[in-house]
Amino acid sequence: MRFLLRITFWLGLVLVLLPRDKTPESEKLPQIGAADAVQAATAAVSDVTQFCKRQPAACEVGGQAATIIGQRAQDGAKKIYQIINDKKEQLEKTDKKAPDHTGSIALAGEGDAASGEAPRDTLSQDDLALEWRGPAAAPAN
């Protein structure tokens, strides 16, 4: 409980001390010095630390609520982590597909490629029956 109060205090202090742009509305606000702000913050922190002595039941319930909230946050973080891991595994499975290759190129260990020689006489009779045509002649200028 005290941890949350300290975090809230310091975060609020940082937000208050951040530089701001000058606007007509900011000129109308009361001007407080840094020393006055620190003194007021110290008094507020001192009062908050005495709160549990004045209201022990409220502190106990607040501590239990903080525990429940922390447990729910932990469960939510575990669920998000699991979802991310499931998506990652699905992506890895889809990326592990067969390598791209054509049937005319033998893989290592298949046929003549394993012996280091290029395959010969791979044209079918239909391929051999086609007449060869060279490139079209360019028109004369």
Protein backbone atom coordinates (compact mmCIF):
# COMPACT_ATOMS: atom_id res chain seq x y z
CA MET A 1 0.00 0.00 0.00
CA ARG A 2 2.77 2.41 0.91
CA PHE A 3 4.55 1.53 -2.32
CA LEU A 4 1.54 2.65 -4.36
CA LEU A 5 1.28 5.87 -2.38
CA ARG A 6 4.97 6.62 -2.89
CA ILE A 7 4.72 5.92 -6.62
CA THR A 8 1.68 8.18 -6.88
CA PHE A 9 3.42 10.95 -4.97
CA TRP A 10 6.63 10.89 -7.02
CA LEU A 11 4.80 10.58 -10.32
CA GLY A 12 2.59 13.51 -9.38
CA LEU A 13 5.64 15.53 -8.37
CA VAL A 14 7.34 14.83 -11.69
CA LEU A 15 4.21 15.82 -13.61
CA VAL A 16 3.90 19.05 -11.63
CA LEU A 17 7.53 20.00 -12.21
CA LEU A 18 7.49 19.43 -15.98
CA PRO A 19 7.88 22.69 -17.90
CA ARG A 20 4.69 24.09 -19.41
CA ASP A 21 3.92 26.49 -22.21
CA LYS A 22 2.84 29.99 -21.23
CA THR A 23 -0.84 30.54 -21.95
CA PRO A 24 -3.31 33.23 -20.87
CA GLU A 25 -5.02 30.69 -18.60
CA SER A 26 -1.77 29.82 -16.82
CA GLU A 27 -1.19 33.48 -15.99
CA LYS A 28 -4.50 33.57 -14.04
CA LEU A 29 -3.46 30.65 -11.78
CA PRO A 30 -1.97 31.47 -8.37
CA GLN A 31 1.83 31.44 -8.33
CA ILE A 32 3.33 29.08 -5.74
CA GLY A 33 7.04 28.88 -5.00
CA ALA A 34 8.98 25.64 -5.08
CA ALA A 35 9.70 25.80 -1.33
CA ASP A 36 5.98 26.16 -0.53
CA ALA A 37 5.15 23.20 -2.81
CA VAL A 38 7.79 20.98 -1.18
CA GLN A 39 6.59 21.93 2.31
CA ALA A 40 2.97 21.14 1.40
CA ALA A 41 3.96 17.82 -0.19
CA THR A 42 5.95 16.83 2.90
CA ALA A 43 2.96 17.60 5.12
CA ALA A 44 0.67 15.55 2.85
CA VAL A 45 3.02 12.55 2.90
CA SER A 46 3.31 12.78 6.68
CA ASP A 47 -0.48 12.82 6.98
CA VAL A 48 -0.87 9.84 4.65
CA THR A 49 1.63 7.78 6.65
CA GLN A 50 -0.43 8.42 9.80
CA PHE A 51 -3.65 7.34 8.03
CA CYS A 52 -3.22 3.65 8.90
CA LYS A 53 -2.92 4.53 12.60
CA ARG A 54 -6.18 6.49 12.48
CA GLN A 55 -8.11 4.08 10.22
CA PRO A 56 -6.68 0.52 10.58
CA ALA A 57 -9.76 -1.12 9.02
CA ALA A 58 -9.50 1.02 5.88
CA CYS A 59 -5.79 0.19 5.58
CA GLU A 60 -6.49 -3.53 5.92
CA VAL A 61 -9.18 -3.47 3.23
CA GLY A 62 -6.94 -1.33 1.01
CA GLY A 63 -4.11 -3.84 1.40
CA GLN A 64 -6.40 -6.72 0.48
CA ALA A 65 -7.69 -4.79 -2.54
CA ALA A 66 -4.12 -4.10 -3.64
CA THR A 67 -3.33 -7.82 -3.33
CA ILE A 68 -6.36 -8.78 -5.43
CA ILE A 69 -5.56 -6.15 -8.06
CA GLY A 70 -1.95 -7.34 -8.19
CA GLN A 71 -3.06 -10.96 -8.65
CA ARG A 72 -5.45 -10.00 -11.44
CA ALA A 73 -2.73 -8.00 -13.16
CA GLN A 74 -0.38 -10.99 -12.91
CA ASP A 75 -3.05 -13.33 -14.36
CA GLY A 76 -3.69 -10.88 -17.19
CA ALA A 77 0.01 -10.62 -17.96
CA LYS A 78 0.28 -14.44 -18.06
CA LYS A 79 -2.67 -14.62 -20.45
CA ILE A 80 -1.17 -11.99 -22.77
CA TYR A 81 2.19 -13.79 -22.67
CA GLN A 82 0.49 -17.07 -23.60
CA ILE A 83 -1.37 -15.45 -26.51
CA ILE A 84 1.86 -13.93 -27.83
CA ASN A 85 3.67 -17.28 -27.58
CA ASP A 86 0.83 -19.10 -29.35
CA LYS A 87 0.91 -16.59 -32.22
CA LYS A 88 4.70 -16.87 -32.41
CA GLU A 89 4.50 -20.68 -32.65
CA GLN A 90 1.86 -20.44 -35.38
CA LEU A 91 4.06 -18.08 -37.38
CA GLU A 92 7.08 -20.35 -36.97
CA LYS A 93 5.08 -23.36 -38.21
CA THR A 94 3.89 -21.52 -41.32
CA ASP A 95 7.43 -20.30 -42.07
CA LYS A 96 8.80 -23.86 -42.08
CA LYS A 97 7.55 -24.81 -45.54
CA ALA A 98 9.41 -26.77 -48.19
CA PRO A 99 12.17 -24.87 -49.97
CA ASP A 100 11.34 -23.48 -53.38
CA HIS A 101 12.66 -25.65 -56.21
CA THR A 102 11.47 -27.00 -59.51
CA GLY A 103 11.21 -30.62 -60.53
CA SER A 104 13.78 -30.15 -63.29
CA ILE A 105 16.55 -29.40 -60.81
CA ALA A 106 17.56 -32.34 -58.67
CA LEU A 107 18.19 -31.75 -55.00
CA ALA A 108 21.46 -32.82 -53.44
CA GLY A 109 21.53 -36.60 -53.15
CA GLU A 110 19.06 -37.17 -55.99
CA GLY A 111 20.06 -38.64 -59.38
CA ASP A 112 23.17 -37.43 -61.20
CA ALA A 113 23.46 -34.26 -59.10
CA ALA A 114 24.99 -36.26 -56.25
CA SER A 115 27.82 -37.40 -58.55
CA GLY A 116 28.59 -33.80 -59.48
CA GLU A 117 27.56 -34.16 -63.12
CA ALA A 118 24.78 -32.15 -64.74
CA PRO A 119 21.83 -34.30 -65.89
CA ARG A 120 21.83 -35.04 -69.63
CA ASP A 121 19.10 -35.83 -72.15
CA THR A 122 16.30 -34.34 -70.08
CA LEU A 123 14.19 -33.12 -73.02
CA SER A 124 11.08 -35.10 -73.85
CA GLN A 125 10.13 -36.11 -77.41
CA ASP A 126 7.53 -33.30 -77.49
CA ASP A 127 10.24 -30.78 -76.62
CA LEU A 128 12.50 -32.09 -79.37
CA ALA A 129 9.71 -31.94 -81.99
CA LEU A 130 9.33 -28.14 -81.78
CA GLU A 131 11.10 -26.05 -84.38
CA TRP A 132 13.60 -23.56 -83.12
CA ARG A 133 12.88 -19.94 -83.92
CA GLY A 134 15.50 -17.29 -83.46
CA PRO A 135 14.83 -13.73 -82.40
CA ALA A 136 12.84 -11.60 -84.83
CA ALA A 137 14.95 -9.43 -87.08
CA ALA A 138 15.03 -5.80 -86.08
CA PRO A 139 13.45 -3.39 -88.62
CA ALA A 140 15.95 -1.46 -90.69
CA ASN A 141 16.15 2.26 -90.12
